[in-house]
Amino acid sequence: MLEKHSILSEFPEHRERIVSRIGADAAFARLVNEYSRLDSEVYSLEASGTPVTDTVIEDLKKRRLRLKDSIHQAL
């Protein structure tokens, strides 16, 4: 089943902290924005059935995971 992985749904226990940090920390906001962009790109490619190689999707997902780890560390 396809689903979006918004950063707020990934870390629901940190919702308030994430929202607060986005408004107060430009570097953190950039991480979250890039994560959201990659998540949307992965979702769009998977949902549309656009022919791409597994390597392309895996690379995007790995980049998204690295950003998720960076966001978690920043919390």
PDB file of N, CA and C in Angstrom:
ATOM      1  N   MET A   1       0.834  -1.182   0.000  1.00  0.00           N
ATOM      2  CA  MET A   1       0.000   0.000   0.000  1.00  0.00           C
ATOM      3  C   MET A   1       0.882   1.251   0.000  1.00  0.00           C
ATOM      4  N   LEU A   2       0.572   2.162  -0.881  1.00  0.00           N
ATOM      5  CA  LEU A   2       1.324   3.405  -0.952  1.00  0.00           C
ATOM      6  C   LEU A   2       0.862   4.356   0.136  1.00  0.00           C
ATOM      7  N   GLU A   3       1.824   5.032   0.715  1.00  0.00           N
ATOM      8  CA  GLU A   3       1.472   6.061   1.684  1.00  0.00           C
ATOM      9  C   GLU A   3       2.581   7.097   1.742  1.00  0.00           C
ATOM     10  N   LYS A   4       2.168   8.287   2.107  1.00  0.00           N
ATOM     11  CA  LYS A   4       3.153   9.350   2.307  1.00  0.00           C
ATOM     12  C   LYS A   4       3.749   9.180   3.695  1.00  0.00           C
ATOM     13  N   HIS A   5       4.971   9.617   3.837  1.00  0.00           N
ATOM     14  CA  HIS A   5       5.682   9.506   5.108  1.00  0.00           C
ATOM     15  C   HIS A   5       6.061  10.893   5.597  1.00  0.00           C
ATOM     16  N   SER A   6       5.073  11.703   5.905  1.00  0.00           N
ATOM     17  CA  SER A   6       5.389  13.053   6.368  1.00  0.00           C
ATOM     18  C   SER A   6       6.229  12.965   7.639  1.00  0.00           C
ATOM     19  N   ILE A   7       7.052  13.947   7.837  1.00  0.00           N
ATOM     20  CA  ILE A   7       7.943  13.918   9.007  1.00  0.00           C
ATOM     21  C   ILE A   7       7.137  13.967  10.305  1.00  0.00           C
ATOM     22  N   LEU A   8       5.996  14.628  10.277  1.00  0.00           N
ATOM     23  CA  LEU A   8       5.154  14.673  11.479  1.00  0.00           C
ATOM     24  C   LEU A   8       4.536  13.310  11.776  1.00  0.00           C
ATOM     25  N   SER A   9       4.228  12.538  10.753  1.00  0.00           N
ATOM     26  CA  SER A   9       3.696  11.194  11.001  1.00  0.00           C
ATOM     27  C   SER A   9       4.807  10.223  11.375  1.00  0.00           C
ATOM     28  N   GLU A  10       6.016  10.506  10.959  1.00  0.00           N
ATOM     29  CA  GLU A  10       7.152   9.655  11.329  1.00  0.00           C
ATOM     30  C   GLU A  10       7.547   9.848  12.794  1.00  0.00           C
ATOM     31  N   PHE A  11       7.382  11.073  13.295  1.00  0.00           N
ATOM     32  CA  PHE A  11       7.744  11.395  14.681  1.00  0.00           C
ATOM     33  C   PHE A  11       6.583  12.091  15.390  1.00  0.00           C
ATOM     34  N   PRO A  12       5.452  11.404  15.558  1.00  0.00           N
ATOM     35  CA  PRO A  12       4.291  12.072  16.163  1.00  0.00           C
ATOM     36  C   PRO A  12       4.553  12.551  17.594  1.00  0.00           C
ATOM     37  N   GLU A  13       5.447  11.888  18.287  1.00  0.00           N
ATOM     38  CA  GLU A  13       5.767  12.288  19.659  1.00  0.00           C
ATOM     39  C   GLU A  13       6.557  13.600  19.717  1.00  0.00           C
ATOM     40  N   HIS A  14       7.092  14.027  18.586  1.00  0.00           N
ATOM     41  CA  HIS A  14       7.884  15.266  18.518  1.00  0.00           C
ATOM     42  C   HIS A  14       7.177  16.358  17.716  1.00  0.00           C
ATOM     43  N   ARG A  15       5.886  16.199  17.473  1.00  0.00           N
ATOM     44  CA  ARG A  15       5.127  17.117  16.616  1.00  0.00           C
ATOM     45  C   ARG A  15       5.347  18.580  16.997  1.00  0.00           C
ATOM     46  N   GLU A  16       5.101  18.921  18.258  1.00  0.00           N
ATOM     47  CA  GLU A  16       5.231  20.326  18.689  1.00  0.00           C
ATOM     48  C   GLU A  16       6.657  20.828  18.531  1.00  0.00           C
ATOM     49  N   ARG A  17       7.603  19.992  18.871  1.00  0.00           N
ATOM     50  CA  ARG A  17       9.014  20.388  18.772  1.00  0.00           C
ATOM     51  C   ARG A  17       9.414  20.619  17.310  1.00  0.00           C
ATOM     52  N   ILE A  18       8.949  19.761  16.420  1.00  0.00           N
ATOM     53  CA  ILE A  18       9.272  19.910  15.001  1.00  0.00           C
ATOM     54  C   ILE A  18       8.707  21.214  14.456  1.00  0.00           C
ATOM     55  N   VAL A  19       7.440  21.461  14.736  1.00  0.00           N
ATOM     56  CA  VAL A  19       6.797  22.685  14.243  1.00  0.00           C
ATOM     57  C   VAL A  19       7.515  23.918  14.788  1.00  0.00           C
ATOM     58  N   SER A  20       7.858  23.881  16.052  1.00  0.00           N
ATOM     59  CA  SER A  20       8.563  25.004  16.670  1.00  0.00           C
ATOM     60  C   SER A  20       9.937  25.214  16.034  1.00  0.00           C
ATOM     61  N   ARG A  21      10.680  24.111  15.820  1.00  0.00           N
ATOM     62  CA  ARG A  21      12.028  24.215  15.244  1.00  0.00           C
ATOM     63  C   ARG A  21      11.999  24.714  13.801  1.00  0.00           C
ATOM     64  N   ILE A  22      10.972  24.326  13.052  1.00  0.00           N
ATOM     65  CA  ILE A  22      10.866  24.780  11.660  1.00  0.00           C
ATOM     66  C   ILE A  22      10.780  26.305  11.609  1.00  0.00           C
ATOM     67  N   GLY A  23      10.036  26.885  12.550  1.00  0.00           N
ATOM     68  CA  GLY A  23       9.887  28.337  12.571  1.00  0.00           C
ATOM     69  C   GLY A  23      11.090  29.067  13.126  1.00  0.00           C
ATOM     70  N   ALA A  24      11.904  28.381  13.914  1.00  0.00           N
ATOM     71  CA  ALA A  24      13.003  29.050  14.599  1.00  0.00           C
ATOM     72  C   ALA A  24      14.388  28.734  14.035  1.00  0.00           C
ATOM     73  N   ASP A  25      14.506  27.705  13.236  1.00  0.00           N
ATOM     74  CA  ASP A  25      15.819  27.234  12.800  1.00  0.00           C
ATOM     75  C   ASP A  25      15.791  26.984  11.290  1.00  0.00           C
ATOM     76  N   ALA A  26      16.408  27.875  10.535  1.00  0.00           N
ATOM     77  CA  ALA A  26      16.371  27.789   9.073  1.00  0.00           C
ATOM     78  C   ALA A  26      17.026  26.514   8.545  1.00  0.00           C
ATOM     79  N   ALA A  27      18.110  26.082   9.168  1.00  0.00           N
ATOM     80  CA  ALA A  27      18.790  24.857   8.719  1.00  0.00           C
ATOM     81  C   ALA A  27      17.890  23.642   8.941  1.00  0.00           C
ATOM     82  N   PHE A  28      17.222  23.594  10.073  1.00  0.00           N
ATOM     83  CA  PHE A  28      16.297  22.504  10.363  1.00  0.00           C
ATOM     84  C   PHE A  28      15.134  22.537   9.374  1.00  0.00           C
ATOM     85  N   ALA A  29      14.619  23.703   9.092  1.00  0.00           N
ATOM     86  CA  ALA A  29      13.514  23.847   8.139  1.00  0.00           C
ATOM     87  C   ALA A  29      13.918  23.354   6.755  1.00  0.00           C
ATOM     88  N   ARG A  30      15.165  23.622   6.349  1.00  0.00           N
ATOM     89  CA  ARG A  30      15.648  23.136   5.058  1.00  0.00           C
ATOM     90  C   ARG A  30      15.677  21.607   5.032  1.00  0.00           C
ATOM     91  N   LEU A  31      16.118  20.986   6.126  1.00  0.00           N
ATOM     92  CA  LEU A  31      16.127  19.518   6.203  1.00  0.00           C
ATOM     93  C   LEU A  31      14.714  18.964   6.046  1.00  0.00           C
ATOM     94  N   VAL A  32      13.777  19.547   6.764  1.00  0.00           N
ATOM     95  CA  VAL A  32      12.391  19.085   6.708  1.00  0.00           C
ATOM     96  C   VAL A  32      11.808  19.314   5.315  1.00  0.00           C
ATOM     97  N   ASN A  33      12.087  20.447   4.719  1.00  0.00           N
ATOM     98  CA  ASN A  33      11.583  20.732   3.367  1.00  0.00           C
ATOM     99  C   ASN A  33      12.152  19.758   2.343  1.00  0.00           C
ATOM    100  N   GLU A  34      13.437  19.466   2.441  1.00  0.00           N
ATOM    101  CA  GLU A  34      14.060  18.516   1.515  1.00  0.00           C
ATOM    102  C   GLU A  34      13.486  17.111   1.732  1.00  0.00           C
ATOM    103  N   TYR A  35      13.281  16.737   2.985  1.00  0.00           N
ATOM    104  CA  TYR A  35      12.661  15.445   3.293  1.00  0.00           C
ATOM    105  C   TYR A  35      11.274  15.375   2.646  1.00  0.00           C
ATOM    106  N   SER A  36      10.482  16.420   2.816  1.00  0.00           N
ATOM    107  CA  SER A  36       9.124  16.459   2.262  1.00  0.00           C
ATOM    108  C   SER A  36       9.146  16.391   0.740  1.00  0.00           C
ATOM    109  N   ARG A  37      10.097  17.082   0.135  1.00  0.00           N
ATOM    110  CA  ARG A  37      10.215  17.064  -1.327  1.00  0.00           C
ATOM    111  C   ARG A  37      10.532  15.652  -1.817  1.00  0.00           C
ATOM    112  N   LEU A  38      11.494  14.994  -1.164  1.00  0.00           N
ATOM    113  CA  LEU A  38      11.848  13.629  -1.560  1.00  0.00           C
ATOM    114  C   LEU A  38      10.693  12.663  -1.324  1.00  0.00           C
ATOM    115  N   ASP A  39      10.001  12.828  -0.210  1.00  0.00           N
ATOM    116  CA  ASP A  39       8.868  11.960   0.079  1.00  0.00           C
ATOM    117  C   ASP A  39       7.796  12.104  -1.000  1.00  0.00           C
ATOM    118  N   SER A  40       7.519  13.325  -1.407  1.00  0.00           N
ATOM    119  CA  SER A  40       6.536  13.561  -2.469  1.00  0.00           C
ATOM    120  C   SER A  40       6.996  12.966  -3.798  1.00  0.00           C
ATOM    121  N   GLU A  41       8.280  13.076  -4.075  1.00  0.00           N
ATOM    122  CA  GLU A  41       8.822  12.531  -5.316  1.00  0.00           C
ATOM    123  C   GLU A  41       8.700  11.005  -5.339  1.00  0.00           C
ATOM    124  N   VAL A  42       9.059  10.356  -4.240  1.00  0.00           N
ATOM    125  CA  VAL A  42       8.940   8.899  -4.151  1.00  0.00           C
ATOM    126  C   VAL A  42       7.487   8.480  -4.311  1.00  0.00           C
ATOM    127  N   TYR A  43       6.611   9.144  -3.586  1.00  0.00           N
ATOM    128  CA  TYR A  43       5.185   8.807  -3.645  1.00  0.00           C
ATOM    129  C   TYR A  43       4.642   8.982  -5.065  1.00  0.00           C
ATOM    130  N   SER A  44       4.975  10.084  -5.705  1.00  0.00           N
ATOM    131  CA  SER A  44       4.491  10.361  -7.055  1.00  0.00           C
ATOM    132  C   SER A  44       4.968   9.313  -8.054  1.00  0.00           C
ATOM    133  N   LEU A  45       6.240   8.953  -7.961  1.00  0.00           N
ATOM    134  CA  LEU A  45       6.777   7.948  -8.877  1.00  0.00           C
ATOM    135  C   LEU A  45       6.092   6.597  -8.670  1.00  0.00           C
ATOM    136  N   GLU A  46       5.903   6.216  -7.412  1.00  0.00           N
ATOM    137  CA  GLU A  46       5.278   4.930  -7.124  1.00  0.00           C
ATOM    138  C   GLU A  46       3.797   4.934  -7.499  1.00  0.00           C
ATOM    139  N   ALA A  47       3.099   6.015  -7.216  1.00  0.00           N
ATOM    140  CA  ALA A  47       1.659   6.086  -7.477  1.00  0.00           C
ATOM    141  C   ALA A  47       1.346   6.168  -8.968  1.00  0.00           C
ATOM    142  N   SER A  48       2.199   6.843  -9.710  1.00  0.00           N
ATOM    143  CA  SER A  48       1.928   7.039 -11.132  1.00  0.00           C
ATOM    144  C   SER A  48       2.322   5.841 -11.978  1.00  0.00           C
ATOM    145  N   GLY A  49       3.131   4.978 -11.410  1.00  0.00           N
ATOM    146  CA  GLY A  49       3.606   3.839 -12.182  1.00  0.00           C
ATOM    147  C   GLY A  49       4.617   4.248 -13.241  1.00  0.00           C
ATOM    148  N   THR A  50       5.214   5.421 -13.046  1.00  0.00           N
ATOM    149  CA  THR A  50       6.232   5.904 -13.967  1.00  0.00           C
ATOM    150  C   THR A  50       7.360   4.870 -14.044  1.00  0.00           C
ATOM    151  N   PRO A  51       7.732   4.467 -15.249  1.00  0.00           N
ATOM    152  CA  PRO A  51       8.795   3.466 -15.360  1.00  0.00           C
ATOM    153  C   PRO A  51      10.156   4.051 -14.970  1.00  0.00           C
ATOM    154  N   VAL A  52      10.621   3.635 -13.823  1.00  0.00           N
ATOM    155  CA  VAL A  52      11.965   3.981 -13.355  1.00  0.00           C
ATOM    156  C   VAL A  52      12.587   2.711 -12.802  1.00  0.00           C
ATOM    157  N   THR A  53      13.878   2.694 -12.762  1.00  0.00           N
ATOM    158  CA  THR A  53      14.548   1.498 -12.252  1.00  0.00           C
ATOM    159  C   THR A  53      14.418   1.426 -10.734  1.00  0.00           C
ATOM    160  N   ASP A  54      14.548   0.216 -10.231  1.00  0.00           N
ATOM    161  CA  ASP A  54      14.523   0.029  -8.782  1.00  0.00           C
ATOM    162  C   ASP A  54      15.634   0.821  -8.114  1.00  0.00           C
ATOM    163  N   THR A  55      16.753   0.958  -8.792  1.00  0.00           N
ATOM    164  CA  THR A  55      17.884   1.701  -8.240  1.00  0.00           C
ATOM    165  C   THR A  55      17.522   3.151  -7.995  1.00  0.00           C
ATOM    166  N   VAL A  56      16.776   3.751  -8.912  1.00  0.00           N
ATOM    167  CA  VAL A  56      16.370   5.158  -8.767  1.00  0.00           C
ATOM    168  C   VAL A  56      15.502   5.321  -7.521  1.00  0.00           C
ATOM    169  N   ILE A  57      14.497   4.463  -7.377  1.00  0.00           N
ATOM    170  CA  ILE A  57      13.607   4.543  -6.216  1.00  0.00           C
ATOM    171  C   ILE A  57      14.386   4.272  -4.928  1.00  0.00           C
ATOM    172  N   GLU A  58      15.241   3.262  -4.944  1.00  0.00           N
ATOM    173  CA  GLU A  58      16.030   2.940  -3.751  1.00  0.00           C
ATOM    174  C   GLU A  58      16.931   4.098  -3.352  1.00  0.00           C
ATOM    175  N   ASP A  59      17.553   4.743  -4.331  1.00  0.00           N
ATOM    176  CA  ASP A  59      18.417   5.888  -4.031  1.00  0.00           C
ATOM    177  C   ASP A  59      17.624   7.029  -3.404  1.00  0.00           C
ATOM    178  N   LEU A  60      16.441   7.308  -3.944  1.00  0.00           N
ATOM    179  CA  LEU A  60      15.597   8.363  -3.372  1.00  0.00           C
ATOM    180  C   LEU A  60      15.197   8.013  -1.943  1.00  0.00           C
ATOM    181  N   LYS A  61      14.828   6.764  -1.724  1.00  0.00           N
ATOM    182  CA  LYS A  61      14.426   6.333  -0.380  1.00  0.00           C
ATOM    183  C   LYS A  61      15.593   6.383   0.600  1.00  0.00           C
ATOM    184  N   LYS A  62      16.789   6.057   0.133  1.00  0.00           N
ATOM    185  CA  LYS A  62      17.970   6.143   1.000  1.00  0.00           C
ATOM    186  C   LYS A  62      18.273   7.589   1.366  1.00  0.00           C
ATOM    187  N   ARG A  63      18.143   8.491   0.392  1.00  0.00           N
ATOM    188  CA  ARG A  63      18.346   9.919   0.684  1.00  0.00           C
ATOM    189  C   ARG A  63      17.310  10.404   1.687  1.00  0.00           C
ATOM    190  N   ARG A  64      16.048   9.978   1.503  1.00  0.00           N
ATOM    191  CA  ARG A  64      14.985  10.356   2.433  1.00  0.00           C
ATOM    192  C   ARG A  64      15.286   9.819   3.829  1.00  0.00           C
ATOM    193  N   LEU A  65      15.776   8.594   3.920  1.00  0.00           N
ATOM    194  CA  LEU A  65      16.107   8.000   5.215  1.00  0.00           C
ATOM    195  C   LEU A  65      17.254   8.748   5.887  1.00  0.00           C
ATOM    196  N   ARG A  66      18.275   9.139   5.121  1.00  0.00           N
ATOM    197  CA  ARG A  66      19.384   9.910   5.705  1.00  0.00           C
ATOM    198  C   ARG A  66      18.888  11.247   6.252  1.00  0.00           C
ATOM    199  N   LEU A  67      17.977  11.891   5.530  1.00  0.00           N
ATOM    200  CA  LEU A  67      17.404  13.150   6.010  1.00  0.00           C
ATOM    201  C   LEU A  67      16.572  12.917   7.273  1.00  0.00           C
ATOM    202  N   LYS A  68      15.829  11.835   7.290  1.00  0.00           N
ATOM    203  CA  LYS A  68      15.031  11.500   8.477  1.00  0.00           C
ATOM    204  C   LYS A  68      15.953  11.298   9.681  1.00  0.00           C
ATOM    205  N   ASP A  69      17.060  10.605   9.482  1.00  0.00           N
ATOM    206  CA  ASP A  69      18.030  10.416  10.572  1.00  0.00           C
ATOM    207  C   ASP A  69      18.607  11.746  11.031  1.00  0.00           C
ATOM    208  N   SER A  70      18.922  12.627  10.092  1.00  0.00           N
ATOM    209  CA  SER A  70      19.465  13.946  10.447  1.00  0.00           C
ATOM    210  C   SER A  70      18.449  14.757  11.233  1.00  0.00           C
ATOM    211  N   ILE A  71      17.199  14.686  10.809  1.00  0.00           N
ATOM    212  CA  ILE A  71      16.135  15.408  11.530  1.00  0.00           C
ATOM    213  C   ILE A  71      15.985  14.850  12.933  1.00  0.00           C
ATOM    214  N   HIS A  72      15.988  13.536  13.054  1.00  0.00           N
ATOM    215  CA  HIS A  72      15.855  12.909  14.375  1.00  0.00           C
ATOM    216  C   HIS A  72      17.021  13.301  15.284  1.00  0.00           C
ATOM    217  N   GLN A  73      18.217  13.314  14.761  1.00  0.00           N
ATOM    218  CA  GLN A  73      19.376  13.715  15.555  1.00  0.00           C
ATOM    219  C   GLN A  73      19.270  15.169  16.001  1.00  0.00           C
ATOM    220  N   ALA A  74      18.707  16.003  15.148  1.00  0.00           N
ATOM    221  CA  ALA A  74      18.577  17.426  15.485  1.00  0.00           C
ATOM    222  C   ALA A  74      17.520  17.669  16.567  1.00  0.00           C
ATOM    223  N   LEU A  75      16.622  16.703  16.731  1.00  0.00           N
ATOM    224  CA  LEU A  75      15.600  16.865  17.758  1.00  0.00           C
ATOM    225  C   LEU A  75      16.202  16.580  19.122  1.00  0.00           C
TER     226      LEU A  75
END
